[in-house]
Amino acid sequence: MQRHFERSSGGIVYKKVGGDIKILLLKRSNSRGGVEFVLPKGHIENEETAKDTAIREISEETGLDPRELQIIKFLTKINYQFIATYREGSPLIDKDVYLFLVRYVGSREPRPETSKGDREWFVGFEWMTLDQVRDLDMKPEISSLVKKNLRYM
C-alpha cells in the first residue's frame, strides 16, 4: 500500500454576538450520504507557514475576507491516518493538522465552497453555540479545545 504524508492547517473560527460566542462549522456531505460538520482547513503549500495557510484556507473555504480573520493563538497539532479510497491505489494518508484559534471580526455570512474539482464539497455552514459544539460527534473533537481556551475568546 502506498503511503503519503500530508500537512494541513486551519482553525476554530469564532465570533462574538452580544455576550455569546459562536463557533463556525462547515457542513460537508459524507460517503454514507449524510452530512458531517468539519473545521475549515487545507493543505500547506510549498514554503507557506501553518499560520498563513490557516488564514488562506479558512478564507477560501468559507468565503470570509482574510483581513477580518485574526489568529489569536496556536491550539494544537493533531495527527491521524486514513485510507484515501477516492484516490488511485487507495493510499494510506498520514496527516498532520495544525489548528489555530481564529476570531472573525466581520459581519458578512460565510459562502462555503460548494465544489472542489469533480467532487461536491460543502453543503452549508452553521454558527454554533458552545453547548451545541459540546454535543457534536465530530473529528477532531473540538469542545475540549474550546473550553481550555475560553479566556482567549
N, C-alpha and C. Protein backbone atom coordinates (compact mmCIF):
# COMPACT_ATOMS: atom_id res chain seq x y z
N MET A 1 0.85 -1.18 0.00
CA MET A 1 0.00 0.00 0.00
C MET A 1 0.89 1.24 0.00
N GLN A 2 0.56 2.17 -0.87
CA GLN A 2 1.28 3.45 -0.89
C GLN A 2 0.96 4.24 0.36
N ARG A 3 1.93 5.04 0.79
CA ARG A 3 1.74 5.88 1.97
C ARG A 3 2.17 7.30 1.61
N HIS A 4 1.33 8.28 1.96
CA HIS A 4 1.64 9.69 1.70
C HIS A 4 1.56 10.46 3.00
N PHE A 5 2.46 11.42 3.15
CA PHE A 5 2.42 12.32 4.30
C PHE A 5 1.87 13.66 3.83
N GLU A 6 0.91 14.20 4.58
CA GLU A 6 0.33 15.50 4.24
C GLU A 6 0.30 16.38 5.47
N ARG A 7 0.39 17.68 5.21
CA ARG A 7 0.27 18.68 6.28
C ARG A 7 -0.83 19.65 5.91
N SER A 8 -1.72 19.91 6.87
CA SER A 8 -2.81 20.86 6.68
C SER A 8 -2.85 21.82 7.85
N SER A 9 -3.57 22.91 7.64
CA SER A 9 -3.73 23.89 8.70
C SER A 9 -5.09 24.55 8.56
N GLY A 10 -5.65 24.93 9.70
CA GLY A 10 -6.95 25.58 9.71
C GLY A 10 -7.25 26.06 11.10
N GLY A 11 -8.53 26.18 11.41
CA GLY A 11 -8.81 26.71 12.73
C GLY A 11 -10.23 26.59 13.21
N ILE A 12 -10.33 26.88 14.49
CA ILE A 12 -11.62 27.04 15.13
C ILE A 12 -11.95 28.53 15.03
N VAL A 13 -12.88 28.84 14.14
CA VAL A 13 -13.26 30.22 13.88
C VAL A 13 -14.44 30.57 14.77
N TYR A 14 -14.34 31.71 15.45
CA TYR A 14 -15.43 32.13 16.33
C TYR A 14 -15.72 33.62 16.13
N LYS A 15 -16.89 34.01 16.58
CA LYS A 15 -17.26 35.43 16.62
C LYS A 15 -18.04 35.66 17.90
N LYS A 16 -18.06 36.90 18.31
CA LYS A 16 -18.86 37.27 19.47
C LYS A 16 -20.13 37.96 18.99
N VAL A 17 -21.24 37.50 19.55
CA VAL A 17 -22.55 38.07 19.22
C VAL A 17 -23.16 38.47 20.56
N GLY A 18 -23.14 39.78 20.82
CA GLY A 18 -23.54 40.23 22.15
C GLY A 18 -22.55 39.65 23.15
N GLY A 19 -23.03 38.95 24.13
CA GLY A 19 -22.15 38.31 25.10
C GLY A 19 -21.89 36.84 24.80
N ASP A 20 -22.39 36.36 23.66
CA ASP A 20 -22.25 34.94 23.31
C ASP A 20 -21.12 34.70 22.32
N ILE A 21 -20.56 33.52 22.40
CA ILE A 21 -19.53 33.08 21.47
C ILE A 21 -20.17 32.07 20.52
N LYS A 22 -19.94 32.25 19.23
CA LYS A 22 -20.45 31.32 18.20
C LYS A 22 -19.25 30.75 17.44
N ILE A 23 -19.29 29.45 17.22
CA ILE A 23 -18.23 28.73 16.51
C ILE A 23 -18.72 28.39 15.10
N LEU A 24 -17.89 28.67 14.10
CA LEU A 24 -18.25 28.39 12.71
C LEU A 24 -17.83 26.96 12.32
N LEU A 25 -18.81 26.19 11.87
CA LEU A 25 -18.53 24.85 11.35
C LEU A 25 -19.12 24.74 9.95
N LEU A 26 -18.40 24.05 9.09
CA LEU A 26 -18.87 23.81 7.73
C LEU A 26 -19.58 22.46 7.68
N LYS A 27 -20.59 22.37 6.82
CA LYS A 27 -21.31 21.12 6.60
C LYS A 27 -20.82 20.51 5.30
N ARG A 28 -20.48 19.20 5.37
CA ARG A 28 -19.98 18.50 4.20
C ARG A 28 -20.72 17.18 4.05
N SER A 29 -21.01 16.83 2.80
CA SER A 29 -21.60 15.51 2.53
C SER A 29 -20.55 14.45 2.77
N ASN A 30 -20.96 13.35 3.41
CA ASN A 30 -20.01 12.26 3.62
C ASN A 30 -20.33 11.11 2.68
N SER A 31 -19.48 10.09 2.69
CA SER A 31 -19.61 8.97 1.75
C SER A 31 -20.84 8.10 2.03
N ARG A 32 -21.43 8.25 3.20
CA ARG A 32 -22.63 7.47 3.55
C ARG A 32 -23.93 8.20 3.22
N GLY A 33 -23.81 9.35 2.54
CA GLY A 33 -24.99 10.09 2.16
C GLY A 33 -25.50 11.04 3.23
N GLY A 34 -24.78 11.16 4.32
CA GLY A 34 -25.17 12.07 5.39
C GLY A 34 -24.38 13.36 5.34
N VAL A 35 -24.58 14.17 6.35
CA VAL A 35 -23.87 15.44 6.47
C VAL A 35 -23.06 15.41 7.76
N GLU A 36 -21.82 15.89 7.68
CA GLU A 36 -20.99 15.99 8.86
C GLU A 36 -20.45 17.40 9.00
N PHE A 37 -20.13 17.78 10.22
CA PHE A 37 -19.56 19.09 10.49
C PHE A 37 -18.05 18.98 10.51
N VAL A 38 -17.38 19.95 9.89
CA VAL A 38 -15.93 19.97 9.83
C VAL A 38 -15.41 21.39 10.07
N LEU A 39 -14.15 21.46 10.44
CA LEU A 39 -13.47 22.75 10.57
C LEU A 39 -12.91 23.16 9.21
N PRO A 40 -12.85 24.46 8.94
CA PRO A 40 -12.18 24.89 7.71
C PRO A 40 -10.67 24.68 7.84
N LYS A 41 -10.10 23.97 6.87
CA LYS A 41 -8.67 23.70 6.86
C LYS A 41 -8.27 23.23 5.48
N GLY A 42 -6.97 23.21 5.23
CA GLY A 42 -6.50 22.74 3.94
C GLY A 42 -5.00 22.56 3.91
N HIS A 43 -4.50 22.13 2.77
CA HIS A 43 -3.09 21.77 2.61
C HIS A 43 -2.14 22.97 2.72
N ILE A 44 -1.04 22.73 3.40
CA ILE A 44 0.05 23.70 3.46
C ILE A 44 0.81 23.59 2.14
N GLU A 45 0.97 24.72 1.46
CA GLU A 45 1.62 24.73 0.15
C GLU A 45 3.07 25.20 0.24
N ASN A 46 3.95 24.49 -0.42
CA ASN A 46 5.36 24.85 -0.56
C ASN A 46 5.99 25.32 0.74
N GLU A 47 6.49 26.55 0.77
CA GLU A 47 7.17 27.08 1.96
C GLU A 47 6.23 27.90 2.85
N GLU A 48 4.95 27.78 2.65
CA GLU A 48 3.95 28.51 3.42
C GLU A 48 4.00 28.06 4.89
N THR A 49 3.78 29.01 5.81
CA THR A 49 3.72 28.65 7.23
C THR A 49 2.33 28.12 7.56
N ALA A 50 2.24 27.38 8.65
CA ALA A 50 0.94 26.86 9.10
C ALA A 50 -0.02 28.01 9.39
N LYS A 51 0.49 29.08 9.96
CA LYS A 51 -0.33 30.25 10.29
C LYS A 51 -0.90 30.89 9.01
N ASP A 52 -0.04 31.09 8.01
CA ASP A 52 -0.51 31.68 6.75
C ASP A 52 -1.52 30.77 6.05
N THR A 53 -1.25 29.46 6.10
CA THR A 53 -2.18 28.50 5.49
C THR A 53 -3.54 28.56 6.17
N ALA A 54 -3.55 28.66 7.50
CA ALA A 54 -4.82 28.70 8.23
C ALA A 54 -5.69 29.85 7.72
N ILE A 55 -5.12 31.04 7.62
CA ILE A 55 -5.91 32.20 7.15
C ILE A 55 -6.35 31.99 5.70
N ARG A 56 -5.44 31.56 4.84
CA ARG A 56 -5.77 31.37 3.42
C ARG A 56 -6.87 30.33 3.26
N GLU A 57 -6.71 29.18 3.89
CA GLU A 57 -7.68 28.10 3.72
C GLU A 57 -9.04 28.44 4.34
N ILE A 58 -9.04 29.07 5.51
CA ILE A 58 -10.32 29.48 6.11
C ILE A 58 -11.03 30.43 5.18
N SER A 59 -10.30 31.39 4.62
CA SER A 59 -10.90 32.35 3.70
C SER A 59 -11.42 31.65 2.43
N GLU A 60 -10.60 30.75 1.86
CA GLU A 60 -11.02 30.06 0.63
C GLU A 60 -12.25 29.19 0.87
N GLU A 61 -12.27 28.46 1.97
CA GLU A 61 -13.36 27.52 2.20
C GLU A 61 -14.64 28.18 2.70
N THR A 62 -14.53 29.33 3.33
CA THR A 62 -15.71 29.98 3.90
C THR A 62 -16.17 31.21 3.11
N GLY A 63 -15.29 31.76 2.29
CA GLY A 63 -15.60 32.99 1.59
C GLY A 63 -15.45 34.23 2.45
N LEU A 64 -14.95 34.08 3.68
CA LEU A 64 -14.75 35.23 4.56
C LEU A 64 -13.49 36.00 4.16
N ASP A 65 -13.52 37.31 4.33
CA ASP A 65 -12.40 38.17 3.98
C ASP A 65 -11.23 37.87 4.92
N PRO A 66 -10.05 37.54 4.38
CA PRO A 66 -8.91 37.23 5.25
C PRO A 66 -8.50 38.38 6.16
N ARG A 67 -8.82 39.61 5.77
CA ARG A 67 -8.49 40.76 6.62
C ARG A 67 -9.39 40.83 7.86
N GLU A 68 -10.47 40.04 7.86
CA GLU A 68 -11.38 40.01 9.00
C GLU A 68 -11.20 38.76 9.85
N LEU A 69 -10.12 38.02 9.61
CA LEU A 69 -9.78 36.82 10.37
C LEU A 69 -8.51 37.11 11.17
N GLN A 70 -8.60 36.99 12.48
CA GLN A 70 -7.46 37.29 13.35
C GLN A 70 -7.02 36.03 14.09
N ILE A 71 -5.78 35.63 13.87
CA ILE A 71 -5.25 34.49 14.63
C ILE A 71 -5.01 34.95 16.06
N ILE A 72 -5.64 34.27 16.99
CA ILE A 72 -5.47 34.59 18.41
C ILE A 72 -4.32 33.77 18.99
N LYS A 73 -4.30 32.48 18.67
CA LYS A 73 -3.20 31.64 19.17
C LYS A 73 -3.20 30.29 18.48
N PHE A 74 -2.04 29.63 18.54
CA PHE A 74 -1.92 28.25 18.09
C PHE A 74 -2.56 27.37 19.15
N LEU A 75 -3.36 26.38 18.72
CA LEU A 75 -4.03 25.48 19.65
C LEU A 75 -3.33 24.14 19.80
N THR A 76 -3.14 23.45 18.67
CA THR A 76 -2.59 22.10 18.76
C THR A 76 -2.22 21.59 17.38
N LYS A 77 -1.44 20.53 17.37
CA LYS A 77 -1.18 19.76 16.15
C LYS A 77 -1.73 18.37 16.40
N ILE A 78 -2.59 17.91 15.49
CA ILE A 78 -3.12 16.55 15.61
C ILE A 78 -2.59 15.72 14.44
N ASN A 79 -2.55 14.42 14.64
CA ASN A 79 -2.11 13.51 13.60
C ASN A 79 -3.12 12.38 13.50
N TYR A 80 -3.45 12.01 12.29
CA TYR A 80 -4.32 10.85 12.08
C TYR A 80 -3.98 10.21 10.74
N GLN A 81 -4.45 9.01 10.56
CA GLN A 81 -4.25 8.27 9.33
C GLN A 81 -5.60 7.82 8.78
N PHE A 82 -5.66 7.74 7.46
CA PHE A 82 -6.87 7.21 6.82
C PHE A 82 -6.50 6.66 5.45
N ILE A 83 -7.35 5.81 4.95
CA ILE A 83 -7.16 5.27 3.61
C ILE A 83 -8.00 6.11 2.65
N ALA A 84 -7.33 6.70 1.67
CA ALA A 84 -7.99 7.60 0.71
C ALA A 84 -8.55 6.78 -0.44
N THR A 85 -9.73 6.21 -0.23
CA THR A 85 -10.35 5.35 -1.25
C THR A 85 -10.73 6.14 -2.51
N TYR A 86 -10.80 7.45 -2.40
CA TYR A 86 -11.17 8.29 -3.54
C TYR A 86 -9.96 8.58 -4.43
N ARG A 87 -8.75 8.13 -4.03
CA ARG A 87 -7.55 8.33 -4.84
C ARG A 87 -7.13 7.01 -5.50
N GLU A 88 -6.44 7.14 -6.61
CA GLU A 88 -5.94 5.95 -7.30
C GLU A 88 -5.02 5.15 -6.38
N GLY A 89 -5.26 3.86 -6.28
CA GLY A 89 -4.45 3.00 -5.45
C GLY A 89 -4.83 3.02 -3.98
N SER A 90 -5.80 3.83 -3.59
CA SER A 90 -6.26 3.95 -2.20
C SER A 90 -5.09 4.02 -1.20
N PRO A 91 -4.26 5.07 -1.32
CA PRO A 91 -3.09 5.15 -0.43
C PRO A 91 -3.46 5.44 1.02
N LEU A 92 -2.56 5.08 1.92
CA LEU A 92 -2.67 5.44 3.32
C LEU A 92 -2.15 6.87 3.46
N ILE A 93 -2.95 7.74 4.04
CA ILE A 93 -2.54 9.13 4.26
C ILE A 93 -2.21 9.30 5.74
N ASP A 94 -1.01 9.75 6.02
CA ASP A 94 -0.56 10.09 7.37
C ASP A 94 -0.58 11.61 7.42
N LYS A 95 -1.47 12.19 8.22
CA LYS A 95 -1.74 13.62 8.13
C LYS A 95 -1.50 14.34 9.45
N ASP A 96 -0.76 15.45 9.38
CA ASP A 96 -0.63 16.39 10.49
C ASP A 96 -1.52 17.58 10.21
N VAL A 97 -2.28 18.01 11.21
CA VAL A 97 -3.15 19.18 11.06
C VAL A 97 -2.84 20.16 12.20
N TYR A 98 -2.51 21.38 11.82
CA TYR A 98 -2.22 22.46 12.77
C TYR A 98 -3.49 23.29 12.93
N LEU A 99 -3.93 23.45 14.17
CA LEU A 99 -5.16 24.20 14.42
C LEU A 99 -4.87 25.47 15.22
N PHE A 100 -5.51 26.54 14.79
CA PHE A 100 -5.39 27.85 15.43
C PHE A 100 -6.76 28.30 15.92
N LEU A 101 -6.75 29.16 16.92
CA LEU A 101 -7.96 29.85 17.36
C LEU A 101 -8.03 31.14 16.56
N VAL A 102 -9.13 31.34 15.82
CA VAL A 102 -9.25 32.45 14.88
C VAL A 102 -10.54 33.22 15.15
N ARG A 103 -10.39 34.51 15.39
CA ARG A 103 -11.56 35.37 15.62
C ARG A 103 -11.99 36.02 14.31
N TYR A 104 -13.30 35.94 14.05
CA TYR A 104 -13.88 36.62 12.89
C TYR A 104 -14.46 37.94 13.36
N VAL A 105 -14.00 39.04 12.77
CA VAL A 105 -14.44 40.36 13.20
C VAL A 105 -15.33 41.04 12.17
N GLY A 106 -15.69 40.33 11.11
CA GLY A 106 -16.54 40.89 10.06
C GLY A 106 -18.01 40.70 10.37
N SER A 107 -18.83 41.07 9.40
CA SER A 107 -20.28 40.96 9.60
C SER A 107 -20.96 40.14 8.50
N ARG A 108 -20.25 39.81 7.42
CA ARG A 108 -20.86 39.02 6.34
C ARG A 108 -20.96 37.56 6.74
N GLU A 109 -21.94 36.88 6.20
CA GLU A 109 -22.10 35.45 6.43
C GLU A 109 -21.16 34.69 5.50
N PRO A 110 -20.71 33.52 5.92
CA PRO A 110 -19.85 32.70 5.07
C PRO A 110 -20.55 32.28 3.78
N ARG A 111 -19.76 32.01 2.77
CA ARG A 111 -20.22 31.46 1.50
C ARG A 111 -19.31 30.27 1.17
N PRO A 112 -19.57 29.12 1.79
CA PRO A 112 -18.67 27.97 1.62
C PRO A 112 -18.56 27.50 0.18
N GLU A 113 -17.35 26.98 -0.17
CA GLU A 113 -17.13 26.36 -1.47
C GLU A 113 -18.10 25.20 -1.63
N THR A 114 -18.78 25.14 -2.76
CA THR A 114 -19.74 24.06 -2.95
C THR A 114 -19.20 22.92 -3.80
N SER A 115 -18.06 23.14 -4.46
CA SER A 115 -17.45 22.05 -5.22
C SER A 115 -15.94 22.23 -5.22
N LYS A 116 -15.25 21.13 -5.37
CA LYS A 116 -13.79 21.14 -5.43
C LYS A 116 -13.41 20.12 -6.48
N GLY A 117 -13.01 20.61 -7.64
CA GLY A 117 -12.74 19.69 -8.75
C GLY A 117 -14.03 19.03 -9.17
N ASP A 118 -14.03 17.72 -9.18
CA ASP A 118 -15.23 16.99 -9.62
C ASP A 118 -16.05 16.49 -8.44
N ARG A 119 -15.70 16.92 -7.22
CA ARG A 119 -16.41 16.44 -6.03
C ARG A 119 -17.28 17.55 -5.43
N GLU A 120 -18.43 17.15 -4.92
CA GLU A 120 -19.25 18.07 -4.14
C GLU A 120 -18.47 18.35 -2.86
N TRP A 121 -18.48 19.56 -2.40
CA TRP A 121 -17.66 19.89 -1.24
C TRP A 121 -18.55 20.25 -0.07
N PHE A 122 -18.77 21.51 0.18
CA PHE A 122 -19.56 21.91 1.34
C PHE A 122 -21.01 22.16 0.94
N VAL A 123 -21.91 21.81 1.86
CA VAL A 123 -23.34 21.99 1.58
C VAL A 123 -23.94 23.06 2.49
N GLY A 124 -23.12 23.74 3.26
CA GLY A 124 -23.61 24.81 4.12
C GLY A 124 -22.67 25.06 5.28
N PHE A 125 -23.17 25.82 6.23
CA PHE A 125 -22.40 26.17 7.41
C PHE A 125 -23.36 26.40 8.56
N GLU A 126 -22.81 26.48 9.75
CA GLU A 126 -23.62 26.83 10.91
C GLU A 126 -22.75 27.50 11.95
N TRP A 127 -23.24 28.60 12.51
CA TRP A 127 -22.62 29.23 13.68
C TRP A 127 -23.26 28.55 14.89
N MET A 128 -22.47 27.85 15.68
CA MET A 128 -23.00 27.07 16.80
C MET A 128 -22.60 27.67 18.14
N THR A 129 -23.48 27.50 19.09
CA THR A 129 -23.17 27.91 20.46
C THR A 129 -22.19 26.90 21.07
N LEU A 130 -21.62 27.26 22.19
CA LEU A 130 -20.70 26.35 22.88
C LEU A 130 -21.40 25.06 23.29
N ASP A 131 -22.66 25.16 23.72
CA ASP A 131 -23.43 23.96 24.10
C ASP A 131 -23.65 23.04 22.89
N GLN A 132 -23.96 23.63 21.74
CA GLN A 132 -24.17 22.82 20.54
C GLN A 132 -22.88 22.10 20.12
N VAL A 133 -21.75 22.80 20.21
CA VAL A 133 -20.46 22.20 19.86
C VAL A 133 -20.14 21.04 20.80
N ARG A 134 -20.45 21.22 22.07
CA ARG A 134 -20.18 20.17 23.06
C ARG A 134 -20.93 18.88 22.74
N ASP A 135 -22.13 19.01 22.17
CA ASP A 135 -22.95 17.84 21.88
C ASP A 135 -22.65 17.17 20.53
N LEU A 136 -21.72 17.73 19.75
CA LEU A 136 -21.41 17.18 18.43
C LEU A 136 -20.51 15.95 18.52
N ASP A 137 -20.73 15.05 17.60
CA ASP A 137 -19.83 13.91 17.41
C ASP A 137 -19.04 14.19 16.15
N MET A 138 -17.89 14.86 16.31
CA MET A 138 -17.09 15.22 15.14
C MET A 138 -15.62 14.96 15.41
N LYS A 139 -14.88 14.81 14.35
CA LYS A 139 -13.43 14.63 14.41
C LYS A 139 -12.78 15.81 13.73
N PRO A 140 -11.82 16.50 14.34
CA PRO A 140 -11.41 16.28 15.73
C PRO A 140 -12.46 16.80 16.69
N GLU A 141 -12.46 16.27 17.87
CA GLU A 141 -13.36 16.71 18.93
C GLU A 141 -12.83 18.07 19.40
N ILE A 142 -13.62 19.12 19.20
CA ILE A 142 -13.12 20.47 19.47
C ILE A 142 -13.64 21.07 20.76
N SER A 143 -14.64 20.45 21.36
CA SER A 143 -15.25 21.02 22.56
C SER A 143 -14.22 21.26 23.66
N SER A 144 -13.34 20.29 23.90
CA SER A 144 -12.35 20.46 24.97
C SER A 144 -11.33 21.55 24.61
N LEU A 145 -10.98 21.67 23.33
CA LEU A 145 -10.07 22.74 22.91
C LEU A 145 -10.70 24.12 23.15
N VAL A 146 -11.98 24.24 22.82
CA VAL A 146 -12.68 25.50 23.04
C VAL A 146 -12.74 25.80 24.52
N LYS A 147 -13.11 24.82 25.31
CA LYS A 147 -13.23 25.01 26.76
C LYS A 147 -11.91 25.47 27.39
N LYS A 148 -10.80 24.83 26.99
CA LYS A 148 -9.49 25.19 27.51
C LYS A 148 -9.05 26.60 27.14
N ASN A 149 -9.63 27.14 26.06
CA ASN A 149 -9.18 28.43 25.54
C ASN A 149 -10.22 29.53 25.62
N LEU A 150 -11.25 29.35 26.42
CA LEU A 150 -12.31 30.36 26.54
C LEU A 150 -11.77 31.72 26.98
N ARG A 151 -10.76 31.73 27.82
CA ARG A 151 -10.23 33.01 28.31
C ARG A 151 -9.62 33.86 27.20
N TYR A 152 -9.26 33.24 26.08
CA TYR A 152 -8.69 33.99 24.95
C TYR A 152 -9.76 34.48 23.97
N MET A 153 -10.99 34.04 24.19
CA MET A 153 -12.06 34.36 23.23
C MET A 153 -12.83 35.60 23.66
